[in-house]
């Protein structure tokens, strides 16, 4: 049985717990997905996930308007 930190009170609870016994947070183990992810060897690395998401959005923006790649604009032109 895996133990995790509750996202609300930051105390140790079981990953399979329905509610946190300390603060009452429902499904503190990411609605049961943490145990499954741990069995598959996956870890939820939030900063890495955000970085990849922003990179994909940037590449998508470049793909939608490729002529903007070589256009230089100052930051104040946005205003």
N, C-alpha and C. Protein backbone atom coordinates (compact mmCIF):
# COMPACT_ATOMS: atom_id res chain seq x y z
N UNK A 1 0.85 -1.16 0.00
CA UNK A 1 0.00 0.00 0.00
C UNK A 1 0.91 1.24 0.00
N UNK A 2 0.68 2.13 -0.96
CA UNK A 2 1.48 3.34 -1.10
C UNK A 2 0.92 4.46 -0.24
N UNK A 3 1.81 5.29 0.24
CA UNK A 3 1.41 6.46 1.02
C UNK A 3 1.77 7.71 0.23
N UNK A 4 0.88 8.70 0.29
CA UNK A 4 1.10 9.97 -0.41
C UNK A 4 0.82 11.12 0.54
N UNK A 5 1.18 12.32 0.12
CA UNK A 5 0.84 13.51 0.90
C UNK A 5 -0.50 14.04 0.38
N UNK A 6 -1.37 14.36 1.29
CA UNK A 6 -2.65 14.96 0.92
C UNK A 6 -2.39 16.34 0.33
N UNK A 7 -3.00 16.66 -0.82
CA UNK A 7 -2.75 17.97 -1.43
C UNK A 7 -3.28 19.15 -0.61
N UNK A 8 -4.21 18.92 0.28
CA UNK A 8 -4.77 20.02 1.07
C UNK A 8 -4.02 20.24 2.37
N UNK A 9 -3.85 19.17 3.18
CA UNK A 9 -3.24 19.34 4.51
C UNK A 9 -1.78 18.88 4.57
N UNK A 10 -1.29 18.25 3.52
CA UNK A 10 0.10 17.80 3.41
C UNK A 10 0.49 16.79 4.49
N UNK A 11 -0.46 15.96 4.89
CA UNK A 11 -0.16 14.88 5.82
C UNK A 11 -0.20 13.56 5.06
N UNK A 12 0.46 12.55 5.59
CA UNK A 12 0.56 11.26 4.90
C UNK A 12 -0.75 10.50 5.01
N UNK A 13 -1.26 10.05 3.84
CA UNK A 13 -2.47 9.22 3.78
C UNK A 13 -2.23 8.10 2.76
N UNK A 14 -3.09 7.11 2.78
CA UNK A 14 -3.01 6.03 1.81
C UNK A 14 -3.43 6.52 0.44
N UNK A 15 -2.77 6.05 -0.62
CA UNK A 15 -3.12 6.45 -1.98
C UNK A 15 -4.49 5.94 -2.37
N UNK A 16 -4.96 4.89 -1.74
CA UNK A 16 -6.26 4.33 -2.06
C UNK A 16 -7.38 4.86 -1.17
N UNK A 17 -7.08 5.80 -0.27
CA UNK A 17 -8.08 6.31 0.66
C UNK A 17 -9.15 7.10 -0.08
N UNK A 18 -10.40 6.92 0.32
CA UNK A 18 -11.51 7.66 -0.27
C UNK A 18 -11.49 9.12 0.16
N UNK A 19 -11.19 9.36 1.43
CA UNK A 19 -11.07 10.72 1.95
C UNK A 19 -9.85 10.78 2.86
N UNK A 20 -9.30 11.96 3.01
CA UNK A 20 -8.19 12.16 3.93
C UNK A 20 -8.74 12.12 5.35
N UNK A 21 -8.18 11.29 6.23
CA UNK A 21 -8.71 11.22 7.60
C UNK A 21 -8.42 12.49 8.41
N UNK A 22 -7.51 13.32 7.94
CA UNK A 22 -7.13 14.53 8.68
C UNK A 22 -7.99 15.74 8.30
N UNK A 23 -8.21 15.95 6.98
CA UNK A 23 -8.92 17.17 6.57
C UNK A 23 -10.20 16.89 5.78
N UNK A 24 -10.42 15.64 5.36
CA UNK A 24 -11.64 15.29 4.66
C UNK A 24 -11.59 15.48 3.15
N UNK A 25 -10.43 15.79 2.60
CA UNK A 25 -10.28 15.95 1.14
C UNK A 25 -10.71 14.67 0.44
N UNK A 26 -11.63 14.80 -0.54
CA UNK A 26 -12.08 13.63 -1.30
C UNK A 26 -10.99 13.18 -2.26
N UNK A 27 -10.76 11.90 -2.34
CA UNK A 27 -9.81 11.28 -3.26
C UNK A 27 -8.45 11.98 -3.27
N UNK A 28 -7.74 12.00 -2.15
CA UNK A 28 -6.45 12.69 -2.11
C UNK A 28 -5.41 12.06 -3.02
N UNK A 29 -5.63 10.83 -3.44
CA UNK A 29 -4.68 10.14 -4.31
C UNK A 29 -4.99 10.31 -5.78
N UNK A 30 -5.40 11.49 -6.19
CA UNK A 30 -5.69 11.80 -7.60
C UNK A 30 -6.76 10.86 -8.13
N UNK A 31 -7.80 10.68 -7.33
CA UNK A 31 -8.94 9.83 -7.69
C UNK A 31 -8.51 8.42 -8.04
N UNK A 32 -7.52 7.90 -7.32
CA UNK A 32 -7.07 6.53 -7.51
C UNK A 32 -6.04 6.36 -8.61
N UNK A 33 -5.72 7.40 -9.33
CA UNK A 33 -4.78 7.28 -10.45
C UNK A 33 -3.33 7.19 -9.99
N UNK A 34 -3.03 7.66 -8.78
CA UNK A 34 -1.63 7.63 -8.35
C UNK A 34 -1.12 6.20 -8.21
N UNK A 35 -1.93 5.34 -7.63
CA UNK A 35 -1.49 3.96 -7.47
C UNK A 35 -1.30 3.29 -8.83
N UNK A 36 -2.20 3.56 -9.77
CA UNK A 36 -2.09 2.99 -11.11
C UNK A 36 -0.86 3.54 -11.82
N UNK A 37 -0.63 4.83 -11.72
CA UNK A 37 0.54 5.43 -12.35
C UNK A 37 1.83 4.88 -11.75
N UNK A 38 1.83 4.68 -10.44
CA UNK A 38 3.02 4.16 -9.77
C UNK A 38 3.28 2.73 -10.22
N UNK A 39 2.23 1.93 -10.43
CA UNK A 39 2.40 0.55 -10.90
C UNK A 39 2.98 0.52 -12.31
N UNK A 40 2.59 1.50 -13.13
CA UNK A 40 3.11 1.57 -14.49
C UNK A 40 4.49 2.21 -14.56
N UNK A 41 4.95 2.75 -13.44
CA UNK A 41 6.26 3.39 -13.39
C UNK A 41 6.23 4.84 -13.82
N UNK A 42 5.04 5.44 -13.88
CA UNK A 42 4.91 6.83 -14.29
C UNK A 42 4.88 7.73 -13.06
N UNK A 43 5.43 8.93 -13.21
CA UNK A 43 5.37 9.91 -12.15
C UNK A 43 4.78 11.19 -12.72
N UNK A 44 3.99 11.86 -11.95
CA UNK A 44 3.38 13.12 -12.37
C UNK A 44 4.33 14.25 -11.99
N UNK A 45 5.08 14.72 -12.96
CA UNK A 45 6.04 15.79 -12.75
C UNK A 45 5.41 17.07 -13.30
N UNK A 46 4.73 17.82 -12.45
CA UNK A 46 3.94 18.96 -12.89
C UNK A 46 4.75 20.04 -13.60
N UNK A 47 5.91 20.46 -13.09
CA UNK A 47 6.68 21.48 -13.82
C UNK A 47 7.10 21.02 -15.22
N UNK A 48 7.49 19.76 -15.34
CA UNK A 48 7.86 19.24 -16.65
C UNK A 48 6.64 19.20 -17.58
N UNK A 49 5.50 18.83 -17.04
CA UNK A 49 4.27 18.78 -17.83
C UNK A 49 3.89 20.17 -18.36
N UNK A 50 4.01 21.18 -17.53
CA UNK A 50 3.71 22.55 -17.95
C UNK A 50 4.70 23.02 -19.01
N UNK A 51 5.98 22.70 -18.85
CA UNK A 51 7.00 23.10 -19.82
C UNK A 51 6.73 22.47 -21.18
N UNK A 52 6.41 21.19 -21.20
CA UNK A 52 6.12 20.50 -22.46
C UNK A 52 4.85 21.08 -23.09
N UNK A 53 3.84 21.35 -22.29
CA UNK A 53 2.59 21.92 -22.80
C UNK A 53 2.84 23.28 -23.45
N UNK A 54 3.63 24.13 -22.80
CA UNK A 54 3.94 25.45 -23.36
C UNK A 54 4.75 25.32 -24.65
N UNK A 55 5.68 24.37 -24.68
CA UNK A 55 6.46 24.15 -25.89
C UNK A 55 5.60 23.71 -27.06
N UNK A 56 4.65 22.83 -26.79
CA UNK A 56 3.74 22.37 -27.84
C UNK A 56 2.87 23.51 -28.33
N UNK A 57 2.38 24.34 -27.42
CA UNK A 57 1.59 25.50 -27.83
C UNK A 57 2.41 26.48 -28.68
N UNK A 58 3.68 26.66 -28.34
CA UNK A 58 4.55 27.54 -29.10
C UNK A 58 4.76 27.00 -30.51
N UNK A 59 5.04 25.70 -30.62
CA UNK A 59 5.22 25.10 -31.94
C UNK A 59 3.94 25.14 -32.76
N UNK A 60 2.81 24.98 -32.11
CA UNK A 60 1.53 25.06 -32.79
C UNK A 60 1.29 26.48 -33.32
N UNK A 61 1.64 27.49 -32.53
CA UNK A 61 1.49 28.87 -32.97
C UNK A 61 2.39 29.16 -34.16
N UNK A 62 3.60 28.63 -34.16
CA UNK A 62 4.50 28.81 -35.30
C UNK A 62 3.98 28.08 -36.53
N UNK A 63 3.38 26.93 -36.34
CA UNK A 63 2.85 26.17 -37.47
C UNK A 63 1.64 26.87 -38.09
N UNK A 64 0.86 27.57 -37.26
CA UNK A 64 -0.32 28.26 -37.77
C UNK A 64 0.03 29.53 -38.54
N UNK A 65 1.15 30.15 -38.20
CA UNK A 65 1.57 31.39 -38.88
C UNK A 65 3.08 31.35 -39.11
N UNK A 66 3.54 30.55 -40.10
CA UNK A 66 4.99 30.41 -40.30
C UNK A 66 5.67 31.69 -40.78
N UNK A 67 4.94 32.62 -41.37
CA UNK A 67 5.56 33.86 -41.82
C UNK A 67 5.99 34.73 -40.65
N UNK A 68 5.42 34.52 -39.49
CA UNK A 68 5.77 35.31 -38.31
C UNK A 68 7.11 34.91 -37.70
N UNK A 69 7.67 33.80 -38.15
CA UNK A 69 8.93 33.33 -37.59
C UNK A 69 10.04 34.36 -37.82
N UNK A 70 10.08 34.97 -39.01
CA UNK A 70 11.17 35.87 -39.36
C UNK A 70 10.80 37.35 -39.20
N UNK A 71 9.64 37.63 -38.67
CA UNK A 71 9.24 39.02 -38.43
C UNK A 71 9.67 39.41 -37.03
N UNK A 72 10.48 40.44 -36.95
CA UNK A 72 10.91 40.90 -35.63
C UNK A 72 10.02 42.06 -35.20
N UNK A 73 9.52 41.96 -34.00
CA UNK A 73 8.66 43.00 -33.45
C UNK A 73 9.11 43.28 -32.03
N UNK A 74 8.96 44.52 -31.63
CA UNK A 74 9.28 44.88 -30.26
C UNK A 74 8.16 44.46 -29.31
N UNK A 75 8.50 44.38 -28.07
CA UNK A 75 7.51 43.98 -27.07
C UNK A 75 6.39 45.01 -26.94
N UNK A 76 6.69 46.29 -27.17
CA UNK A 76 5.68 47.33 -27.01
C UNK A 76 4.68 47.38 -28.15
N UNK A 77 4.94 46.71 -29.24
CA UNK A 77 3.99 46.69 -30.35
C UNK A 77 2.76 45.84 -30.03
N UNK A 78 2.84 45.04 -29.01
CA UNK A 78 1.69 44.24 -28.58
C UNK A 78 0.59 45.17 -28.06
N UNK A 79 1.02 46.23 -27.39
CA UNK A 79 0.06 47.16 -26.81
C UNK A 79 -0.59 47.95 -27.91
